[in-house]
Amino acid sequence: MGGQRSPWSAAVLLGATVVLGAWLVQDGSRGSLPPTPSAAEAQADGAIRPAALSGTPMRASAPIRVRIPAVGVDAPVTGVGLDGEGHLATPPDRQRNLAGWYRDGVTPGQRGTALLIGHVDTAAGPAVFYGLGALHRGDRIDVVRQDGTTAWFVVDAVDVYDRAAFPDHRVYGQAPDPQLRLITCGGGFTEGQGYRGNVVVFAHLTGHRGAQ
């Protein structure tokens, strides 16, 4: 239902910040449902790729654009924080092609876990992260940063989690190397309840292009 919200369960641990229950706007009562991740793309027994395979950490610089060629994403990024209830805010749903970066966490390319969130759809139709469930291991994610550099990430896994069993630490916990999470709604849809969970893309830094 347009305008409903659904909590991501439990605590979000990002450095010293604790966020109790992050939220994403739910929609999807119109048209076909977004793609669902294949079981083949999920993490094997929750395992994450060794940190040694990541590229050299970058200095802090806010993301300004995200590109995911495999699913046609080319979108600006805006910083988001916490709302008045202490929940993770989302980009304005009136701008369907807009992703949000949790600005109180690390920037994409820094050592740690950077978060990009976006709507799967809105009342107007599919939104910026509608296609995340169609991604595969090895797909590329490029994040253009304010300092003119572009951080290159590769997808490690694509999972879908029920809201009641959302693995907060696995998704939000600080990584020892530069990692990225893309998060949107998913996991099936029912009228009146909206989306039942979240689609999460796990990725690691492989390198970067310097400022021109």
Protein backbone atom coordinates (compact mmCIF):
# COMPACT_ATOMS: atom_id res chain seq x y z
CA MET A 1 0.00 0.00 0.00
CA GLY A 2 1.34 3.44 -0.91
CA GLY A 3 2.76 5.30 2.10
CA GLN A 4 3.00 2.28 4.43
CA ARG A 5 6.29 1.62 6.16
CA SER A 6 7.81 -1.57 7.46
CA PRO A 7 10.61 -1.89 10.04
CA TRP A 8 13.88 -3.68 9.47
CA SER A 9 14.17 -5.66 12.68
CA ALA A 10 16.36 -5.09 15.74
CA ALA A 11 19.50 -2.96 16.05
CA VAL A 12 21.76 -1.61 13.33
CA LEU A 13 25.41 -1.50 14.36
CA LEU A 14 27.51 0.94 12.34
CA GLY A 15 30.59 2.02 14.23
CA ALA A 16 29.35 3.72 17.40
CA THR A 17 25.89 4.36 15.95
CA VAL A 18 22.94 2.22 17.00
CA VAL A 19 19.81 2.54 14.89
CA LEU A 20 16.72 0.83 16.27
CA GLY A 21 14.66 -0.39 13.34
CA ALA A 22 15.35 0.97 9.87
CA TRP A 23 12.41 1.61 7.58
CA LEU A 24 11.67 1.48 3.87
CA VAL A 25 8.53 2.75 2.22
CA GLN A 26 6.44 -0.08 0.85
CA ASP A 27 4.55 0.02 -2.40
CA GLY A 28 3.94 -2.49 -5.15
CA SER A 29 0.19 -2.84 -5.42
CA ARG A 30 0.47 -1.82 -9.05
CA GLY A 31 1.61 -4.05 -11.91
CA SER A 32 4.07 -6.93 -11.67
CA LEU A 33 6.25 -7.60 -8.66
CA PRO A 34 9.99 -6.89 -8.76
CA PRO A 35 12.42 -9.75 -9.51
CA THR A 36 13.21 -12.14 -6.67
CA PRO A 37 16.85 -13.18 -6.07
CA SER A 38 17.76 -16.70 -7.14
CA ALA A 39 18.84 -19.10 -4.41
CA ALA A 40 22.06 -19.55 -6.39
CA GLU A 41 23.03 -15.94 -5.65
CA ALA A 42 22.62 -16.22 -1.87
CA GLN A 43 25.48 -16.45 0.61
CA ALA A 44 26.68 -19.99 1.21
CA ASP A 45 25.92 -20.69 4.89
CA GLY A 46 26.17 -16.96 5.57
CA ALA A 47 29.83 -16.90 4.55
CA ILE A 48 31.34 -13.65 3.27
CA ARG A 49 34.27 -13.52 0.85
CA PRO A 50 37.71 -13.14 2.54
CA ALA A 51 38.64 -9.53 3.27
CA ALA A 52 42.01 -10.03 1.56
CA LEU A 53 40.25 -9.99 -1.83
CA SER A 54 39.08 -6.39 -1.42
CA GLY A 55 40.78 -3.42 -2.99
CA THR A 56 42.78 -0.80 -1.08
CA PRO A 57 40.53 1.34 1.15
CA MET A 58 39.83 4.86 -0.08
CA ARG A 59 39.62 8.14 1.80
CA ALA A 60 36.22 9.41 2.89
CA SER A 61 34.16 11.14 0.20
CA ALA A 62 30.38 11.25 -0.08
CA PRO A 63 28.75 9.32 -2.93
CA ILE A 64 26.92 11.37 -5.54
CA ARG A 65 25.87 8.74 -8.09
CA VAL A 66 25.44 4.95 -8.33
CA ARG A 67 25.53 2.95 -11.55
CA ILE A 68 24.62 -0.74 -11.90
CA PRO A 69 24.85 -1.60 -15.61
CA ALA A 70 23.37 -5.10 -15.29
CA VAL A 71 19.98 -3.73 -14.18
CA GLY A 72 20.08 -0.30 -15.81
CA VAL A 73 20.57 1.79 -12.66
CA ASP A 74 22.11 5.23 -13.14
CA ALA A 75 20.93 7.40 -10.28
CA PRO A 76 21.98 10.33 -8.11
CA VAL A 77 22.60 9.68 -4.42
CA THR A 78 21.50 11.83 -1.50
CA GLY A 79 22.53 11.56 2.13
CA VAL A 80 19.96 10.23 4.60
CA GLY A 81 20.07 10.07 8.38
CA LEU A 82 17.59 9.19 11.09
CA ASP A 83 14.02 10.37 11.36
CA GLY A 84 12.40 11.74 14.51
CA GLU A 85 11.77 8.22 15.83
CA GLY A 86 15.38 7.12 15.40
CA HIS A 87 14.70 5.09 12.25
CA LEU A 88 16.80 5.18 9.12
CA ALA A 89 15.24 7.67 6.74
CA THR A 90 14.72 7.03 3.02
CA PRO A 91 15.00 9.20 -0.08
CA PRO A 92 11.88 11.21 -0.98
CA ASP A 93 9.49 8.85 -2.77
CA ARG A 94 8.48 11.61 -5.17
CA GLN A 95 11.89 11.10 -6.81
CA ARG A 96 11.81 7.52 -8.06
CA ASN A 97 15.32 7.55 -9.51
CA LEU A 98 17.13 8.54 -6.31
CA ALA A 99 19.20 6.40 -3.94
CA GLY A 100 20.08 7.23 -0.35
CA TRP A 101 23.39 6.85 1.47
CA TYR A 102 23.46 6.52 5.27
CA ARG A 103 25.59 9.59 5.92
CA ASP A 104 26.44 8.70 9.53
CA GLY A 105 28.20 5.55 8.34
CA VAL A 106 31.30 5.14 6.17
CA THR A 107 31.40 6.37 2.59
CA PRO A 108 31.54 3.78 -0.22
CA GLY A 109 35.17 2.78 -0.69
CA GLN A 110 36.22 3.39 2.91
CA ARG A 111 37.09 0.49 5.18
CA GLY A 112 33.83 -0.72 6.70
CA THR A 113 30.24 -1.25 5.59
CA ALA A 114 28.64 1.49 3.49
CA LEU A 115 24.85 1.49 3.04
CA LEU A 116 22.87 2.55 -0.01
CA ILE A 117 19.09 2.28 0.22
CA GLY A 118 16.32 2.95 -2.26
CA HIS A 119 12.67 2.38 -2.99
CA VAL A 120 11.67 -0.65 -5.00
CA ASP A 121 8.60 1.18 -6.26
CA THR A 122 6.26 4.03 -5.46
CA ALA A 123 2.69 4.91 -6.30
CA ALA A 124 4.00 6.11 -9.68
CA GLY A 125 5.64 2.77 -10.59
CA PRO A 126 9.04 1.01 -10.39
CA ALA A 127 11.74 2.96 -8.55
CA VAL A 128 15.53 3.09 -8.42
CA PHE A 129 16.20 -0.34 -6.85
CA TYR A 130 13.37 -2.24 -8.53
CA GLY A 131 15.82 -4.56 -10.32
CA LEU A 132 18.16 -5.48 -7.43
CA GLY A 133 16.71 -8.99 -7.20
CA ALA A 134 17.91 -9.72 -10.74
CA LEU A 135 21.58 -9.11 -9.92
CA HIS A 136 24.12 -11.95 -9.98
CA ARG A 137 27.44 -12.61 -8.31
CA GLY A 138 30.16 -10.83 -10.25
CA ASP A 139 27.97 -7.96 -11.45
CA ARG A 140 29.55 -4.51 -11.18
CA ILE A 141 28.45 -1.55 -9.08
CA ASP A 142 30.12 1.83 -9.64
CA VAL A 143 29.81 4.60 -7.07
CA VAL A 144 30.85 8.09 -8.17
CA ARG A 145 32.12 10.16 -5.24
CA GLN A 146 32.25 13.87 -4.49
CA ASP A 147 36.04 14.01 -4.82
CA GLY A 148 35.84 12.90 -8.46
CA THR A 149 36.83 9.29 -7.84
CA THR A 150 34.72 6.26 -8.76
CA ALA A 151 34.72 3.24 -6.46
CA TRP A 152 34.29 -0.10 -8.21
CA PHE A 153 32.44 -2.89 -6.41
CA VAL A 154 31.62 -6.48 -7.36
CA VAL A 155 28.54 -8.32 -6.12
CA ASP A 156 29.28 -11.20 -3.73
CA ALA A 157 25.71 -12.29 -2.99
CA VAL A 158 22.07 -11.27 -3.31
CA ASP A 159 19.71 -12.37 -0.54
CA VAL A 160 16.12 -11.80 0.48
CA TYR A 161 15.17 -11.78 4.16
CA ASP A 162 11.83 -11.84 5.93
CA ARG A 163 11.31 -8.85 8.22
CA ALA A 164 10.89 -11.13 11.23
CA ALA A 165 14.25 -12.79 10.65
CA PHE A 166 16.38 -9.94 9.32
CA PRO A 167 20.09 -10.63 10.09
CA ASP A 168 21.06 -7.19 11.37
CA HIS A 169 24.67 -7.96 12.21
CA ARG A 170 25.35 -9.69 8.89
CA VAL A 171 23.91 -6.80 6.91
CA TYR A 172 24.88 -3.77 9.00
CA GLY A 173 27.88 -4.95 11.01
CA GLN A 174 31.15 -3.15 10.29
CA ALA A 175 33.35 -5.10 7.88
CA PRO A 176 37.17 -5.19 8.17
CA ASP A 177 37.49 -4.17 4.51
CA PRO A 178 35.59 -1.84 2.13
CA GLN A 179 32.14 -3.34 1.57
CA LEU A 180 28.82 -2.09 0.27
CA ARG A 181 25.21 -3.05 0.95
CA LEU A 182 22.31 -2.12 -1.30
CA ILE A 183 18.93 -2.53 0.36
CA THR A 184 15.33 -2.32 -0.83
CA CYS A 185 11.96 -3.90 -0.12
CA GLY A 186 11.09 -7.38 -1.41
CA GLY A 187 10.33 -10.88 -0.31
CA GLY A 188 6.78 -11.10 -1.61
CA PHE A 189 3.85 -8.74 -1.35
CA THR A 190 0.37 -8.90 0.15
CA GLU A 191 -2.38 -6.30 0.01
CA GLY A 192 -2.69 -4.46 3.29
CA GLN A 193 0.68 -5.70 4.57
CA GLY A 194 2.95 -4.64 1.73
CA TYR A 195 6.36 -6.23 1.21
CA ARG A 196 7.26 -8.98 3.64
CA GLY A 197 11.00 -8.40 3.73
CA ASN A 198 14.07 -6.85 2.13
CA VAL A 199 16.40 -7.64 -0.73
CA VAL A 200 20.05 -7.10 0.19
CA VAL A 201 23.01 -6.97 -2.19
CA PHE A 202 26.45 -7.68 -0.68
CA ALA A 203 29.45 -6.29 -2.56
CA HIS A 204 33.14 -5.57 -2.01
CA LEU A 205 35.51 -2.94 -3.38
CA THR A 206 37.75 -4.12 -6.20
CA GLY A 207 39.43 -0.85 -7.15
CA HIS A 208 38.81 2.71 -8.15
CA ARG A 209 39.41 5.36 -10.77
CA GLY A 210 41.04 8.58 -9.64
CA ALA A 211 39.76 12.10 -10.16
CA GLN A 212 40.20 13.38 -13.71
